[in-house]
Amino acid sequence: MTYKVKLHPNVAKFLEKASRDIADRVKDKLRQIRENPFHYLEHYAGEDVHKLRIGDYRALIDVDTRHHILYVQVIDRRDRIYKR
């Protein structure tokens, strides 16, 4: 079953401000994971979220398997996301 993707308001703002190349790459990857998210997602150690690699960027995503929803909480550069 296809998952629905929901963006945190800060993620939507990030995509508006990001360069077109980066925003397109992120959107393409989010479309791609809707069919089989666990093929692409890795569990983020110590947290109750999953991480998604998108080039030099990472997304932290909550997965609601019951309702088939992917909540994208944060997207940032790899060197900054793990310092949060």
N, C-alpha and C. Protein backbone atom coordinates (compact mmCIF):
# COMPACT_ATOMS: atom_id res chain seq x y z
N MET A 1 0.84 -1.19 0.00
CA MET A 1 0.00 0.00 0.00
C MET A 1 0.88 1.25 0.00
N THR A 2 0.48 2.25 -0.72
CA THR A 2 1.23 3.49 -0.82
C THR A 2 1.06 4.33 0.45
N TYR A 3 2.19 4.85 0.92
CA TYR A 3 2.18 5.72 2.09
C TYR A 3 1.94 7.16 1.64
N LYS A 4 1.34 7.93 2.51
CA LYS A 4 1.14 9.36 2.27
C LYS A 4 2.29 10.10 2.96
N VAL A 5 2.79 11.16 2.35
CA VAL A 5 3.89 11.94 2.91
C VAL A 5 3.35 13.26 3.43
N LYS A 6 3.63 13.55 4.71
CA LYS A 6 3.25 14.83 5.30
C LYS A 6 4.52 15.54 5.75
N LEU A 7 4.59 16.84 5.47
CA LEU A 7 5.77 17.63 5.79
C LEU A 7 5.53 18.52 7.00
N HIS A 8 6.50 18.58 7.90
CA HIS A 8 6.48 19.55 8.98
C HIS A 8 6.58 20.93 8.33
N PRO A 9 5.96 21.96 8.91
CA PRO A 9 6.03 23.31 8.31
C PRO A 9 7.47 23.79 8.06
N ASN A 10 8.40 23.43 8.94
CA ASN A 10 9.79 23.83 8.73
C ASN A 10 10.41 23.14 7.52
N VAL A 11 9.98 21.93 7.24
CA VAL A 11 10.47 21.21 6.06
C VAL A 11 9.93 21.87 4.79
N ALA A 12 8.66 22.24 4.81
CA ALA A 12 8.08 22.94 3.66
C ALA A 12 8.82 24.26 3.41
N LYS A 13 9.15 24.96 4.49
CA LYS A 13 9.89 26.22 4.37
C LYS A 13 11.30 25.97 3.81
N PHE A 14 11.94 24.90 4.27
CA PHE A 14 13.26 24.52 3.77
C PHE A 14 13.21 24.30 2.26
N LEU A 15 12.19 23.57 1.80
CA LEU A 15 12.08 23.28 0.37
C LEU A 15 11.82 24.54 -0.46
N GLU A 16 11.12 25.51 0.11
CA GLU A 16 10.89 26.77 -0.60
C GLU A 16 12.18 27.57 -0.75
N LYS A 17 13.04 27.53 0.28
CA LYS A 17 14.27 28.32 0.28
C LYS A 17 15.44 27.62 -0.42
N ALA A 18 15.39 26.30 -0.51
CA ALA A 18 16.49 25.53 -1.10
C ALA A 18 16.59 25.81 -2.60
N SER A 19 17.77 25.55 -3.14
CA SER A 19 17.93 25.70 -4.59
C SER A 19 17.01 24.71 -5.30
N ARG A 20 16.68 25.02 -6.52
CA ARG A 20 15.75 24.18 -7.28
C ARG A 20 16.27 22.75 -7.41
N ASP A 21 17.56 22.61 -7.62
CA ASP A 21 18.17 21.28 -7.77
C ASP A 21 17.97 20.44 -6.51
N ILE A 22 18.25 21.02 -5.36
CA ILE A 22 18.10 20.29 -4.10
C ILE A 22 16.64 20.00 -3.81
N ALA A 23 15.78 20.98 -3.99
CA ALA A 23 14.34 20.78 -3.72
C ALA A 23 13.78 19.68 -4.63
N ASP A 24 14.17 19.67 -5.90
CA ASP A 24 13.69 18.64 -6.82
C ASP A 24 14.19 17.26 -6.42
N ARG A 25 15.46 17.18 -6.00
CA ARG A 25 16.02 15.90 -5.58
C ARG A 25 15.29 15.36 -4.35
N VAL A 26 15.01 16.23 -3.39
CA VAL A 26 14.30 15.82 -2.17
C VAL A 26 12.88 15.36 -2.52
N LYS A 27 12.18 16.13 -3.34
CA LYS A 27 10.80 15.76 -3.71
C LYS A 27 10.76 14.44 -4.47
N ASP A 28 11.72 14.23 -5.37
CA ASP A 28 11.78 12.96 -6.11
C ASP A 28 12.00 11.78 -5.17
N LYS A 29 12.89 11.95 -4.21
CA LYS A 29 13.17 10.87 -3.26
C LYS A 29 11.95 10.59 -2.38
N LEU A 30 11.24 11.63 -1.96
CA LEU A 30 10.04 11.43 -1.14
C LEU A 30 8.95 10.72 -1.94
N ARG A 31 8.84 11.01 -3.24
CA ARG A 31 7.87 10.29 -4.08
C ARG A 31 8.28 8.82 -4.22
N GLN A 32 9.56 8.60 -4.33
CA GLN A 32 10.09 7.26 -4.53
C GLN A 32 9.84 6.36 -3.31
N ILE A 33 9.96 6.88 -2.11
CA ILE A 33 9.84 6.03 -0.91
C ILE A 33 8.40 5.71 -0.55
N ARG A 34 7.44 6.35 -1.19
CA ARG A 34 6.03 6.12 -0.84
C ARG A 34 5.60 4.67 -1.04
N GLU A 35 6.12 4.00 -2.05
CA GLU A 35 5.72 2.63 -2.36
C GLU A 35 6.28 1.61 -1.37
N ASN A 36 7.54 1.75 -1.02
CA ASN A 36 8.19 0.79 -0.14
C ASN A 36 9.18 1.54 0.77
N PRO A 37 8.68 2.26 1.77
CA PRO A 37 9.55 3.12 2.57
C PRO A 37 10.67 2.38 3.30
N PHE A 38 10.43 1.18 3.75
CA PHE A 38 11.43 0.49 4.57
C PHE A 38 12.61 -0.03 3.75
N HIS A 39 12.49 0.01 2.44
CA HIS A 39 13.62 -0.30 1.58
C HIS A 39 14.65 0.83 1.62
N TYR A 40 14.20 2.05 1.81
CA TYR A 40 15.06 3.23 1.78
C TYR A 40 15.40 3.79 3.15
N LEU A 41 14.54 3.57 4.14
CA LEU A 41 14.72 4.16 5.46
C LEU A 41 15.58 3.28 6.35
N GLU A 42 16.40 3.95 7.17
CA GLU A 42 17.19 3.26 8.19
C GLU A 42 16.73 3.77 9.54
N HIS A 43 16.75 2.89 10.54
CA HIS A 43 16.39 3.32 11.89
C HIS A 43 17.50 4.23 12.41
N TYR A 44 17.14 5.35 12.99
CA TYR A 44 18.10 6.29 13.55
C TYR A 44 18.37 5.87 14.99
N ALA A 45 19.57 5.43 15.27
CA ALA A 45 19.94 4.86 16.57
C ALA A 45 19.63 5.82 17.72
N GLY A 46 18.99 5.28 18.73
CA GLY A 46 18.70 6.05 19.93
C GLY A 46 17.45 6.91 19.84
N GLU A 47 16.82 6.95 18.71
CA GLU A 47 15.62 7.77 18.52
C GLU A 47 14.51 6.90 17.95
N ASP A 48 13.29 7.41 18.03
CA ASP A 48 12.14 6.68 17.49
C ASP A 48 11.76 7.24 16.12
N VAL A 49 12.77 7.47 15.29
CA VAL A 49 12.56 7.97 13.93
C VAL A 49 13.45 7.19 12.97
N HIS A 50 13.22 7.40 11.69
CA HIS A 50 14.03 6.79 10.65
C HIS A 50 14.74 7.90 9.88
N LYS A 51 15.87 7.57 9.27
CA LYS A 51 16.59 8.56 8.47
C LYS A 51 16.59 8.13 7.02
N LEU A 52 16.62 9.13 6.16
CA LEU A 52 16.63 8.92 4.72
C LEU A 52 17.79 9.70 4.14
N ARG A 53 18.62 9.03 3.36
CA ARG A 53 19.75 9.68 2.70
C ARG A 53 19.30 10.29 1.39
N ILE A 54 19.63 11.57 1.20
CA ILE A 54 19.31 12.28 -0.05
C ILE A 54 20.57 13.06 -0.43
N GLY A 55 21.54 12.40 -1.03
CA GLY A 55 22.80 13.05 -1.35
C GLY A 55 23.50 13.50 -0.08
N ASP A 56 23.85 14.78 0.01
CA ASP A 56 24.49 15.34 1.20
C ASP A 56 23.49 15.72 2.28
N TYR A 57 22.23 15.47 2.04
CA TYR A 57 21.17 15.84 2.98
C TYR A 57 20.59 14.59 3.63
N ARG A 58 20.01 14.79 4.81
CA ARG A 58 19.33 13.71 5.52
C ARG A 58 17.96 14.21 5.95
N ALA A 59 17.00 13.30 5.94
CA ALA A 59 15.65 13.59 6.43
C ALA A 59 15.38 12.66 7.60
N LEU A 60 14.79 13.20 8.66
CA LEU A 60 14.35 12.39 9.79
C LEU A 60 12.84 12.25 9.66
N ILE A 61 12.37 11.00 9.67
CA ILE A 61 10.99 10.70 9.32
C ILE A 61 10.35 9.80 10.37
N ASP A 62 9.17 10.19 10.85
CA ASP A 62 8.34 9.32 11.70
C ASP A 62 7.46 8.50 10.77
N VAL A 63 7.33 7.22 11.06
CA VAL A 63 6.52 6.34 10.23
C VAL A 63 5.31 5.85 11.02
N ASP A 64 4.13 6.11 10.49
CA ASP A 64 2.88 5.62 11.08
C ASP A 64 2.41 4.46 10.21
N THR A 65 2.76 3.23 10.62
CA THR A 65 2.43 2.06 9.80
C THR A 65 0.94 1.74 9.83
N ARG A 66 0.29 2.13 10.90
CA ARG A 66 -1.14 1.85 11.00
C ARG A 66 -1.95 2.64 9.97
N HIS A 67 -1.62 3.94 9.82
CA HIS A 67 -2.35 4.81 8.90
C HIS A 67 -1.61 5.03 7.58
N HIS A 68 -0.44 4.41 7.43
CA HIS A 68 0.37 4.53 6.22
C HIS A 68 0.73 5.99 5.91
N ILE A 69 1.34 6.64 6.91
CA ILE A 69 1.75 8.04 6.74
C ILE A 69 3.23 8.18 7.12
N LEU A 70 3.97 8.93 6.31
CA LEU A 70 5.35 9.27 6.59
C LEU A 70 5.39 10.75 6.96
N TYR A 71 5.78 11.04 8.20
CA TYR A 71 5.88 12.43 8.67
C TYR A 71 7.33 12.88 8.57
N VAL A 72 7.61 13.77 7.64
CA VAL A 72 8.97 14.28 7.48
C VAL A 72 9.16 15.41 8.49
N GLN A 73 9.99 15.16 9.51
CA GLN A 73 10.16 16.10 10.61
C GLN A 73 11.24 17.15 10.33
N VAL A 74 12.36 16.71 9.76
CA VAL A 74 13.51 17.61 9.56
C VAL A 74 14.25 17.19 8.30
N ILE A 75 14.73 18.17 7.56
CA ILE A 75 15.69 17.93 6.47
C ILE A 75 16.80 18.96 6.64
N ASP A 76 18.04 18.47 6.58
CA ASP A 76 19.18 19.39 6.70
C ASP A 76 20.41 18.69 6.13
N ARG A 77 21.50 19.44 6.03
CA ARG A 77 22.76 18.86 5.56
C ARG A 77 23.23 17.80 6.54
N ARG A 78 23.90 16.82 6.03
CA ARG A 78 24.37 15.70 6.84
C ARG A 78 25.22 16.17 8.02
N ASP A 79 26.09 17.15 7.79
CA ASP A 79 26.99 17.60 8.86
C ASP A 79 26.26 18.38 9.96
N ARG A 80 25.05 18.83 9.71
CA ARG A 80 24.30 19.58 10.73
C ARG A 80 23.19 18.77 11.38
N ILE A 81 22.63 17.82 10.69
CA ILE A 81 21.44 17.14 11.20
C ILE A 81 21.73 16.30 12.44
N TYR A 82 22.92 15.73 12.53
CA TYR A 82 23.22 14.86 13.66
C TYR A 82 23.64 15.64 14.90
N LYS A 83 23.79 16.95 14.78
CA LYS A 83 24.14 17.79 15.93
C LYS A 83 22.92 18.29 16.67
N ARG A 84 21.73 17.95 16.19
CA ARG A 84 20.49 18.43 16.80
C ARG A 84 20.19 17.69 18.07
